[in-house]
């Protein structure tokens, strides 16, 4: 898989702080345009990723500007010890609530088994950071309408929440997301998450798997340590090299769905493209 390169830049602490603070304003709404899902004019967001050798102090960074009429409350959710047999409720519609307890327009999509312990995290319109320094940025990328399947349980913000509650590293978060959407389905439009821990940062893209499959199609690429990545409401991942598991991860259906939809023909000798 390839990700289009952006020039290497060095970011100062004050600029990074400013970018992180901008993150509290929120994201774009998808609309349909033929078979392609697009964002309404005036809505959008940008996520930036910085490898540890591309920052002045060796920090690994993701940050996120998110522009749109979404919720603006902030809630710090504490670490929890959970009783055996308890469940975690998964919702749709929380992006337009006025407080953490506002249930107007909120729909319960389902419940999944809870884990014994969940980590403290910063809950904003798109949950962003947990107690272990796992950080997530978001940018909507739309994708092809044919892949959208509203029967899936997870919206992207709830997937992020579970990542932060249950994971300590970016790789753990990506693998957990893949397991959850495979079992329970993904009901949102195409999304990009930029996922960072203290050692590395990944660019993760996810779409539905079409009307006949409740799961998802996803892929992730590791940003090289000495580079910066940018995602601004368009897919960035192209060719996939899944033999290199240190730098590329993907769902097990990633090529099958493309072939079934008629978007990729392996008989033509074309490389696997996401």
C-alpha atoms as a PDB file:
ATOM      1  CA  UNK A   1       0.000   0.000   0.000  1.00  0.00           C
ATOM      2  CA  UNK A   2       1.170   3.479  -0.729  1.00  0.00           C
ATOM      3  CA  UNK A   3       0.193   6.734   0.873  1.00  0.00           C
ATOM      4  CA  UNK A   4       0.887   9.897  -1.078  1.00  0.00           C
ATOM      5  CA  UNK A   5       3.842  11.665   0.475  1.00  0.00           C
ATOM      6  CA  UNK A   6       3.660  15.132   1.943  1.00  0.00           C
ATOM      7  CA  UNK A   7       6.719  17.308   2.548  1.00  0.00           C
ATOM      8  CA  UNK A   8       8.512  16.723   5.835  1.00  0.00           C
ATOM      9  CA  UNK A   9       7.976  19.617   8.235  1.00  0.00           C
ATOM     10  CA  UNK A  10       9.079  20.350  11.765  1.00  0.00           C
ATOM     11  CA  UNK A  11       6.332  21.582  14.084  1.00  0.00           C
ATOM     12  CA  UNK A  12       6.926  23.672  17.172  1.00  0.00           C
ATOM     13  CA  UNK A  13       5.202  23.044  20.484  1.00  0.00           C
ATOM     14  CA  UNK A  14       3.101  26.221  20.269  1.00  0.00           C
ATOM     15  CA  UNK A  15       1.812  25.359  16.803  1.00  0.00           C
ATOM     16  CA  UNK A  16       0.918  21.842  17.880  1.00  0.00           C
ATOM     17  CA  UNK A  17      -0.897  23.142  20.942  1.00  0.00           C
ATOM     18  CA  UNK A  18      -2.873  25.503  18.745  1.00  0.00           C
ATOM     19  CA  UNK A  19      -3.809  22.684  16.392  1.00  0.00           C
ATOM     20  CA  UNK A  20      -4.927  20.511  19.271  1.00  0.00           C
ATOM     21  CA  UNK A  21      -7.080  23.263  20.727  1.00  0.00           C
ATOM     22  CA  UNK A  22      -8.783  23.853  17.370  1.00  0.00           C
ATOM     23  CA  UNK A  23      -9.895  20.212  17.564  1.00  0.00           C
ATOM     24  CA  UNK A  24     -12.859  21.100  19.792  1.00  0.00           C
ATOM     25  CA  UNK A  25     -14.965  22.622  16.987  1.00  0.00           C
ATOM     26  CA  UNK A  26     -16.563  19.599  14.941  1.00  0.00           C
ATOM     27  CA  UNK A  27     -16.899  17.545  11.583  1.00  0.00           C
ATOM     28  CA  UNK A  28     -18.460  17.208   8.156  1.00  0.00           C
ATOM     29  CA  UNK A  29     -21.761  15.684   7.063  1.00  0.00           C
ATOM     30  CA  UNK A  30     -21.814  13.326   4.067  1.00  0.00           C
ATOM     31  CA  UNK A  31     -24.209  13.832   1.163  1.00  0.00           C
ATOM     32  CA  UNK A  32     -24.801  11.667  -1.893  1.00  0.00           C
ATOM     33  CA  UNK A  33     -23.538  12.649  -5.338  1.00  0.00           C
ATOM     34  CA  UNK A  34     -24.171   9.762  -7.717  1.00  0.00           C
ATOM     35  CA  UNK A  35     -22.300   6.763  -6.316  1.00  0.00           C
ATOM     36  CA  UNK A  36     -19.865   8.956  -4.400  1.00  0.00           C
ATOM     37  CA  UNK A  37     -20.576  10.280  -0.911  1.00  0.00           C
ATOM     38  CA  UNK A  38     -19.394  13.874  -0.566  1.00  0.00           C
ATOM     39  CA  UNK A  39     -19.318  16.536   2.141  1.00  0.00           C
ATOM     40  CA  UNK A  40     -21.587  19.546   2.152  1.00  0.00           C
ATOM     41  CA  UNK A  41     -19.860  22.808   1.344  1.00  0.00           C
ATOM     42  CA  UNK A  42     -18.553  24.521   4.468  1.00  0.00           C
ATOM     43  CA  UNK A  43     -18.195  21.277   6.406  1.00  0.00           C
ATOM     44  CA  UNK A  44     -14.926  19.431   6.779  1.00  0.00           C
ATOM     45  CA  UNK A  45     -11.981  18.499   8.917  1.00  0.00           C
ATOM     46  CA  UNK A  46      -8.251  17.932   8.699  1.00  0.00           C
ATOM     47  CA  UNK A  47      -6.068  15.513  10.621  1.00  0.00           C
ATOM     48  CA  UNK A  48      -2.291  15.794  10.830  1.00  0.00           C
ATOM     49  CA  UNK A  49       0.152  13.027  11.776  1.00  0.00           C
ATOM     50  CA  UNK A  50       3.771  13.559  12.827  1.00  0.00           C
ATOM     51  CA  UNK A  51       6.326  10.773  13.197  1.00  0.00           C
ATOM     52  CA  UNK A  52       8.776  10.881  16.122  1.00  0.00           C
ATOM     53  CA  UNK A  53      11.734  11.927  13.942  1.00  0.00           C
ATOM     54  CA  UNK A  54       9.715  14.708  12.304  1.00  0.00           C
ATOM     55  CA  UNK A  55       9.003  16.562  15.548  1.00  0.00           C
ATOM     56  CA  UNK A  56      11.489  18.775  17.355  1.00  0.00           C
ATOM     57  CA  UNK A  57      11.337  16.828  20.634  1.00  0.00           C
ATOM     58  CA  UNK A  58      10.752  13.269  19.403  1.00  0.00           C
ATOM     59  CA  UNK A  59       7.027  13.314  20.119  1.00  0.00           C
ATOM     60  CA  UNK A  60       4.598  11.283  18.032  1.00  0.00           C
ATOM     61  CA  UNK A  61       1.572  13.452  17.274  1.00  0.00           C
ATOM     62  CA  UNK A  62      -1.862  13.425  15.766  1.00  0.00           C
ATOM     63  CA  UNK A  63      -4.120  16.475  15.847  1.00  0.00           C
ATOM     64  CA  UNK A  64      -7.476  17.302  14.355  1.00  0.00           C
ATOM     65  CA  UNK A  65      -9.426  20.335  13.214  1.00  0.00           C
ATOM     66  CA  UNK A  66     -13.105  19.490  12.942  1.00  0.00           C
ATOM     67  CA  UNK A  67     -15.514  22.010  11.456  1.00  0.00           C
ATOM     68  CA  UNK A  68     -19.259  21.520  11.738  1.00  0.00           C
ATOM     69  CA  UNK A  69     -22.358  21.795  13.891  1.00  0.00           C
ATOM     70  CA  UNK A  70     -21.662  18.916  16.242  1.00  0.00           C
ATOM     71  CA  UNK A  71     -21.554  18.595  20.022  1.00  0.00           C
ATOM     72  CA  UNK A  72     -19.071  20.773  21.883  1.00  0.00           C
ATOM     73  CA  UNK A  73     -19.173  19.423  25.414  1.00  0.00           C
ATOM     74  CA  UNK A  74     -16.164  17.715  26.966  1.00  0.00           C
ATOM     75  CA  UNK A  75     -16.325  14.907  29.501  1.00  0.00           C
ATOM     76  CA  UNK A  76     -13.396  13.128  31.189  1.00  0.00           C
ATOM     77  CA  UNK A  77     -14.560   9.552  31.674  1.00  0.00           C
ATOM     78  CA  UNK A  78     -12.732   7.832  34.571  1.00  0.00           C
ATOM     79  CA  UNK A  79     -11.184   4.388  34.581  1.00  0.00           C
ATOM     80  CA  UNK A  80     -13.771   1.749  35.528  1.00  0.00           C
ATOM     81  CA  UNK A  81     -13.824  -1.741  37.006  1.00  0.00           C
ATOM     82  CA  UNK A  82     -16.735  -3.577  35.399  1.00  0.00           C
ATOM     83  CA  UNK A  83     -18.807  -6.377  36.882  1.00  0.00           C
ATOM     84  CA  UNK A  84     -18.759  -9.815  35.218  1.00  0.00           C
ATOM     85  CA  UNK A  85     -21.580 -10.161  32.719  1.00  0.00           C
ATOM     86  CA  UNK A  86     -22.022  -6.413  32.213  1.00  0.00           C
ATOM     87  CA  UNK A  87     -22.435  -4.910  28.750  1.00  0.00           C
ATOM     88  CA  UNK A  88     -21.307  -1.813  26.882  1.00  0.00           C
ATOM     89  CA  UNK A  89     -24.153   0.014  25.143  1.00  0.00           C
ATOM     90  CA  UNK A  90     -23.481   1.254  21.601  1.00  0.00           C
ATOM     91  CA  UNK A  91     -25.373   4.353  20.418  1.00  0.00           C
ATOM     92  CA  UNK A  92     -26.108   6.410  17.329  1.00  0.00           C
ATOM     93  CA  UNK A  93     -27.034  10.098  17.452  1.00  0.00           C
ATOM     94  CA  UNK A  94     -24.782  11.395  20.222  1.00  0.00           C
ATOM     95  CA  UNK A  95     -22.987  13.845  17.926  1.00  0.00           C
ATOM     96  CA  UNK A  96     -25.700  16.501  18.308  1.00  0.00           C
ATOM     97  CA  UNK A  97     -26.316  16.277  22.050  1.00  0.00           C
ATOM     98  CA  UNK A  98     -25.898  19.323  24.304  1.00  0.00           C
ATOM     99  CA  UNK A  99     -24.562  17.539  27.412  1.00  0.00           C
ATOM    100  CA  UNK A 100     -23.125  14.072  28.168  1.00  0.00           C
ATOM    101  CA  UNK A 101     -26.560  13.126  29.562  1.00  0.00           C
ATOM    102  CA  UNK A 102     -28.708  14.480  26.706  1.00  0.00           C
ATOM    103  CA  UNK A 103     -30.619  11.553  25.124  1.00  0.00           C
ATOM    104  CA  UNK A 104     -32.656  13.508  22.559  1.00  0.00           C
ATOM    105  CA  UNK A 105     -32.280  11.844  19.159  1.00  0.00           C
ATOM    106  CA  UNK A 106     -30.021   9.135  20.590  1.00  0.00           C
ATOM    107  CA  UNK A 107     -30.689   5.556  19.421  1.00  0.00           C
ATOM    108  CA  UNK A 108     -29.433   2.404  21.120  1.00  0.00           C
ATOM    109  CA  UNK A 109     -27.903   0.321  18.300  1.00  0.00           C
ATOM    110  CA  UNK A 110     -26.982  -2.660  20.468  1.00  0.00           C
ATOM    111  CA  UNK A 111     -24.890  -3.984  23.329  1.00  0.00           C
ATOM    112  CA  UNK A 112     -21.614  -5.898  23.451  1.00  0.00           C
ATOM    113  CA  UNK A 113     -19.925  -7.764  26.326  1.00  0.00           C
ATOM    114  CA  UNK A 114     -17.938  -5.471  28.608  1.00  0.00           C
ATOM    115  CA  UNK A 115     -14.286  -6.061  29.512  1.00  0.00           C
ATOM    116  CA  UNK A 116     -13.170  -6.261  33.171  1.00  0.00           C
ATOM    117  CA  UNK A 117     -11.507  -2.832  33.102  1.00  0.00           C
ATOM    118  CA  UNK A 118     -11.903   0.226  30.869  1.00  0.00           C
ATOM    119  CA  UNK A 119      -9.425   3.122  30.712  1.00  0.00           C
ATOM    120  CA  UNK A 120      -9.969   6.807  31.409  1.00  0.00           C
ATOM    121  CA  UNK A 121     -10.406   8.938  28.276  1.00  0.00           C
ATOM    122  CA  UNK A 122     -11.302  12.395  26.999  1.00  0.00           C
ATOM    123  CA  UNK A 123     -14.804  12.216  25.537  1.00  0.00           C
ATOM    124  CA  UNK A 124     -15.517  14.985  23.043  1.00  0.00           C
ATOM    125  CA  UNK A 125     -17.534  14.971  19.803  1.00  0.00           C
ATOM    126  CA  UNK A 126     -14.949  12.533  18.510  1.00  0.00           C
ATOM    127  CA  UNK A 127     -13.329  10.815  21.529  1.00  0.00           C
ATOM    128  CA  UNK A 128      -9.704  11.879  21.407  1.00  0.00           C
ATOM    129  CA  UNK A 129      -7.244  10.728  24.078  1.00  0.00           C
ATOM    130  CA  UNK A 130      -6.878   8.175  26.862  1.00  0.00           C
ATOM    131  CA  UNK A 131      -4.776   7.886  30.016  1.00  0.00           C
ATOM    132  CA  UNK A 132      -1.991   5.995  28.211  1.00  0.00           C
ATOM    133  CA  UNK A 133      -1.494   8.689  25.594  1.00  0.00           C
ATOM    134  CA  UNK A 134      -3.359   6.858  22.839  1.00  0.00           C
ATOM    135  CA  UNK A 135      -4.668   9.693  20.636  1.00  0.00           C
ATOM    136  CA  UNK A 136      -7.148   9.675  17.736  1.00  0.00           C
ATOM    137  CA  UNK A 137      -7.990  12.286  15.100  1.00  0.00           C
ATOM    138  CA  UNK A 138     -10.891  11.991  12.634  1.00  0.00           C
ATOM    139  CA  UNK A 139     -11.793  13.155   9.139  1.00  0.00           C
ATOM    140  CA  UNK A 140     -14.811  12.028   7.110  1.00  0.00           C
ATOM    141  CA  UNK A 141     -13.898  10.696   3.652  1.00  0.00           C
ATOM    142  CA  UNK A 142     -17.308   9.642   2.300  1.00  0.00           C
ATOM    143  CA  UNK A 143     -16.482   6.885  -0.176  1.00  0.00           C
ATOM    144  CA  UNK A 144     -18.762   4.968  -2.522  1.00  0.00           C
ATOM    145  CA  UNK A 145     -22.464   4.878  -1.694  1.00  0.00           C
ATOM    146  CA  UNK A 146     -22.591   1.176  -2.613  1.00  0.00           C
ATOM    147  CA  UNK A 147     -20.544   0.323   0.481  1.00  0.00           C
ATOM    148  CA  UNK A 148     -22.829   2.040   2.996  1.00  0.00           C
ATOM    149  CA  UNK A 149     -24.807  -0.353   5.194  1.00  0.00           C
ATOM    150  CA  UNK A 150     -26.847   1.286   8.011  1.00  0.00           C
ATOM    151  CA  UNK A 151     -27.551  -2.110   9.612  1.00  0.00           C
ATOM    152  CA  UNK A 152     -24.053  -2.176  11.088  1.00  0.00           C
ATOM    153  CA  UNK A 153     -23.859  -1.400  14.817  1.00  0.00           C
ATOM    154  CA  UNK A 154     -20.930   1.010  14.989  1.00  0.00           C
ATOM    155  CA  UNK A 155     -20.781   4.675  14.083  1.00  0.00           C
ATOM    156  CA  UNK A 156     -17.223   5.970  13.923  1.00  0.00           C
ATOM    157  CA  UNK A 157     -17.392   7.931  17.201  1.00  0.00           C
ATOM    158  CA  UNK A 158     -18.477   4.838  19.134  1.00  0.00           C
ATOM    159  CA  UNK A 159     -15.689   2.815  17.540  1.00  0.00           C
ATOM    160  CA  UNK A 160     -13.212   5.460  18.700  1.00  0.00           C
ATOM    161  CA  UNK A 161     -14.662   5.347  22.207  1.00  0.00           C
ATOM    162  CA  UNK A 162     -14.124   1.589  22.465  1.00  0.00           C
ATOM    163  CA  UNK A 163     -10.558   1.947  21.166  1.00  0.00           C
ATOM    164  CA  UNK A 164      -9.743   4.438  23.908  1.00  0.00           C
ATOM    165  CA  UNK A 165     -11.517   2.467  26.617  1.00  0.00           C
ATOM    166  CA  UNK A 166      -9.740  -0.796  25.803  1.00  0.00           C
ATOM    167  CA  UNK A 167      -6.386  -0.103  24.127  1.00  0.00           C
ATOM    168  CA  UNK A 168      -2.945   1.279  24.996  1.00  0.00           C
ATOM    169  CA  UNK A 169      -1.300   1.385  21.554  1.00  0.00           C
ATOM    170  CA  UNK A 170      -2.255   2.356  18.009  1.00  0.00           C
ATOM    171  CA  UNK A 171      -1.819  -1.208  16.724  1.00  0.00           C
ATOM    172  CA  UNK A 172      -4.060  -2.558  19.467  1.00  0.00           C
ATOM    173  CA  UNK A 173      -6.696   0.043  18.578  1.00  0.00           C
ATOM    174  CA  UNK A 174      -6.659  -0.831  14.873  1.00  0.00           C
ATOM    175  CA  UNK A 175      -6.922  -4.553  15.534  1.00  0.00           C
ATOM    176  CA  UNK A 176      -9.750  -4.049  18.040  1.00  0.00           C
ATOM    177  CA  UNK A 177     -11.678  -1.893  15.562  1.00  0.00           C
ATOM    178  CA  UNK A 178     -11.294  -4.601  12.935  1.00  0.00           C
ATOM    179  CA  UNK A 179     -12.584  -7.279  15.289  1.00  0.00           C
ATOM    180  CA  UNK A 180     -15.572  -5.212  16.429  1.00  0.00           C
ATOM    181  CA  UNK A 181     -16.824  -4.242  12.965  1.00  0.00           C
ATOM    182  CA  UNK A 182     -16.324  -7.772  11.659  1.00  0.00           C
ATOM    183  CA  UNK A 183     -18.537  -9.150  14.427  1.00  0.00           C
ATOM    184  CA  UNK A 184     -21.093  -6.354  14.866  1.00  0.00           C
ATOM    185  CA  UNK A 185     -20.946  -4.351  11.644  1.00  0.00           C
ATOM    186  CA  UNK A 186     -20.117  -0.774  10.632  1.00  0.00           C
ATOM    187  CA  UNK A 187     -23.097   1.511   9.963  1.00  0.00           C
ATOM    188  CA  UNK A 188     -21.368   4.788   9.102  1.00  0.00           C
ATOM    189  CA  UNK A 189     -20.004   6.380   5.930  1.00  0.00           C
ATOM    190  CA  UNK A 190     -16.327   6.312   4.994  1.00  0.00           C
ATOM    191  CA  UNK A 191     -14.066   7.638   7.735  1.00  0.00           C
ATOM    192  CA  UNK A 192     -10.378   8.186   8.356  1.00  0.00           C
ATOM    193  CA  UNK A 193      -8.861   7.929  11.834  1.00  0.00           C
ATOM    194  CA  UNK A 194      -5.322   9.046  12.613  1.00  0.00           C
ATOM    195  CA  UNK A 195      -4.138   6.976  15.554  1.00  0.00           C
ATOM    196  CA  UNK A 196      -1.001   7.716  17.583  1.00  0.00           C
ATOM    197  CA  UNK A 197       0.801   6.360  20.631  1.00  0.00           C
ATOM    198  CA  UNK A 198       4.214   7.255  22.066  1.00  0.00           C
ATOM    199  CA  UNK A 199       6.087   5.279  19.377  1.00  0.00           C
ATOM    200  CA  UNK A 200       4.162   5.439  16.106  1.00  0.00           C
ATOM    201  CA  UNK A 201       1.215   6.946  14.234  1.00  0.00           C
ATOM    202  CA  UNK A 202      -1.120   5.207  11.784  1.00  0.00           C
ATOM    203  CA  UNK A 203      -3.535   6.354   9.065  1.00  0.00           C
ATOM    204  CA  UNK A 204      -6.681   4.171   9.199  1.00  0.00           C
ATOM    205  CA  UNK A 205      -9.543   4.226   6.688  1.00  0.00           C
ATOM    206  CA  UNK A 206     -12.829   2.339   6.992  1.00  0.00           C
ATOM    207  CA  UNK A 207     -15.960   1.850   4.866  1.00  0.00           C
ATOM    208  CA  UNK A 208     -19.013  -0.370   4.981  1.00  0.00           C
ATOM    209  CA  UNK A 209     -18.815  -3.685   3.139  1.00  0.00           C
ATOM    210  CA  UNK A 210     -21.961  -3.185   1.047  1.00  0.00           C
ATOM    211  CA  UNK A 211     -25.652  -4.028   1.498  1.00  0.00           C
ATOM    212  CA  UNK A 212     -25.135  -7.803   1.671  1.00  0.00           C
ATOM    213  CA  UNK A 213     -22.416  -7.804   4.324  1.00  0.00           C
ATOM    214  CA  UNK A 214     -22.798  -6.201   7.747  1.00  0.00           C
ATOM    215  CA  UNK A 215     -19.038  -5.940   8.417  1.00  0.00           C
ATOM    216  CA  UNK A 216     -16.574  -3.395   7.040  1.00  0.00           C
ATOM    217  CA  UNK A 217     -13.674  -2.891   4.673  1.00  0.00           C
ATOM    218  CA  UNK A 218     -10.668  -1.186   6.238  1.00  0.00           C
ATOM    219  CA  UNK A 219      -6.956  -0.604   5.789  1.00  0.00           C
ATOM    220  CA  UNK A 220      -4.228   1.161   7.742  1.00  0.00           C
ATOM    221  CA  UNK A 221      -0.760   2.412   6.882  1.00  0.00           C
ATOM    222  CA  UNK A 222       1.992   3.374   9.313  1.00  0.00           C
ATOM    223  CA  UNK A 223       3.410   6.876   8.807  1.00  0.00           C
ATOM    224  CA  UNK A 224       7.227   6.646   8.578  1.00  0.00           C
ATOM    225  CA  UNK A 225       8.987   8.032  11.653  1.00  0.00           C
ATOM    226  CA  UNK A 226      10.633  10.869   9.709  1.00  0.00           C
ATOM    227  CA  UNK A 227       7.494  11.977   7.834  1.00  0.00           C
ATOM    228  CA  UNK A 228       4.269  13.909   8.293  1.00  0.00           C
ATOM    229  CA  UNK A 229       0.895  12.747   6.994  1.00  0.00           C
ATOM    230  CA  UNK A 230      -2.205  14.833   6.270  1.00  0.00           C
ATOM    231  CA  UNK A 231      -5.785  13.718   5.676  1.00  0.00           C
ATOM    232  CA  UNK A 232      -8.447  16.252   4.708  1.00  0.00           C
ATOM    233  CA  UNK A 233     -11.740  14.584   3.745  1.00  0.00           C
ATOM    234  CA  UNK A 234     -10.345  12.443   0.936  1.00  0.00           C
ATOM    235  CA  UNK A 235      -9.050   8.840   0.963  1.00  0.00           C
ATOM    236  CA  UNK A 236      -5.235   8.732   0.914  1.00  0.00           C
ATOM    237  CA  UNK A 237      -4.404   5.018   0.906  1.00  0.00           C
ATOM    238  CA  UNK A 238      -3.771   3.398  -2.475  1.00  0.00           C
ATOM    239  CA  UNK A 239      -1.737   0.199  -3.009  1.00  0.00           C
ATOM    240  CA  UNK A 240      -1.584  -2.380  -0.227  1.00  0.00           C
ATOM    241  CA  UNK A 241       1.441  -4.504   0.623  1.00  0.00           C
ATOM    242  CA  UNK A 242      -0.019  -6.813   3.240  1.00  0.00           C
ATOM    243  CA  UNK A 243       3.163  -8.902   3.315  1.00  0.00           C
ATOM    244  CA  UNK A 244       4.683  -6.004   5.268  1.00  0.00           C
ATOM    245  CA  UNK A 245       2.659  -6.271   8.456  1.00  0.00           C
ATOM    246  CA  UNK A 246       4.921  -3.796  10.242  1.00  0.00           C
ATOM    247  CA  UNK A 247       3.593  -0.998   8.053  1.00  0.00           C
ATOM    248  CA  UNK A 248       0.295  -2.223   6.575  1.00  0.00           C
ATOM    249  CA  UNK A 249      -2.842  -3.733   8.096  1.00  0.00           C
ATOM    250  CA  UNK A 250      -6.215  -4.460   6.484  1.00  0.00           C
ATOM    251  CA  UNK A 251      -9.454  -6.405   6.824  1.00  0.00           C
ATOM    252  CA  UNK A 252      -9.434  -9.936   5.429  1.00  0.00           C
ATOM    253  CA  UNK A 253     -12.113  -8.990   2.861  1.00  0.00           C
ATOM    254  CA  UNK A 254     -10.333  -5.933   1.474  1.00  0.00           C
ATOM    255  CA  UNK A 255      -9.587  -7.406  -1.964  1.00  0.00           C
ATOM    256  CA  UNK A 256     -12.635  -9.669  -2.158  1.00  0.00           C
ATOM    257  CA  UNK A 257     -15.119  -6.799  -1.807  1.00  0.00           C
ATOM    258  CA  UNK A 258     -13.301  -4.745  -4.461  1.00  0.00           C
ATOM    259  CA  UNK A 259     -13.417  -7.718  -6.824  1.00  0.00           C
ATOM    260  CA  UNK A 260     -17.091  -8.480  -6.132  1.00  0.00           C
ATOM    261  CA  UNK A 261     -18.015  -4.827  -6.746  1.00  0.00           C
ATOM    262  CA  UNK A 262     -16.166  -4.872 -10.064  1.00  0.00           C
ATOM    263  CA  UNK A 263     -13.629  -2.248  -8.996  1.00  0.00           C
ATOM    264  CA  UNK A 264     -10.565  -4.525  -9.199  1.00  0.00           C
ATOM    265  CA  UNK A 265      -9.707  -7.465 -11.445  1.00  0.00           C
ATOM    266  CA  UNK A 266      -6.752  -9.561 -10.240  1.00  0.00           C
ATOM    267  CA  UNK A 267      -6.608 -11.325 -13.615  1.00  0.00           C
ATOM    268  CA  UNK A 268      -5.396  -8.093 -15.184  1.00  0.00           C
ATOM    269  CA  UNK A 269      -2.256  -8.191 -13.059  1.00  0.00           C
ATOM    270  CA  UNK A 270      -3.071  -4.923 -11.327  1.00  0.00           C
ATOM    271  CA  UNK A 271      -1.662  -4.457  -7.809  1.00  0.00           C
ATOM    272  CA  UNK A 272      -4.129  -4.687  -4.946  1.00  0.00           C
ATOM    273  CA  UNK A 273      -5.461  -1.155  -4.494  1.00  0.00           C
ATOM    274  CA  UNK A 274      -7.596   0.068  -1.597  1.00  0.00           C
END
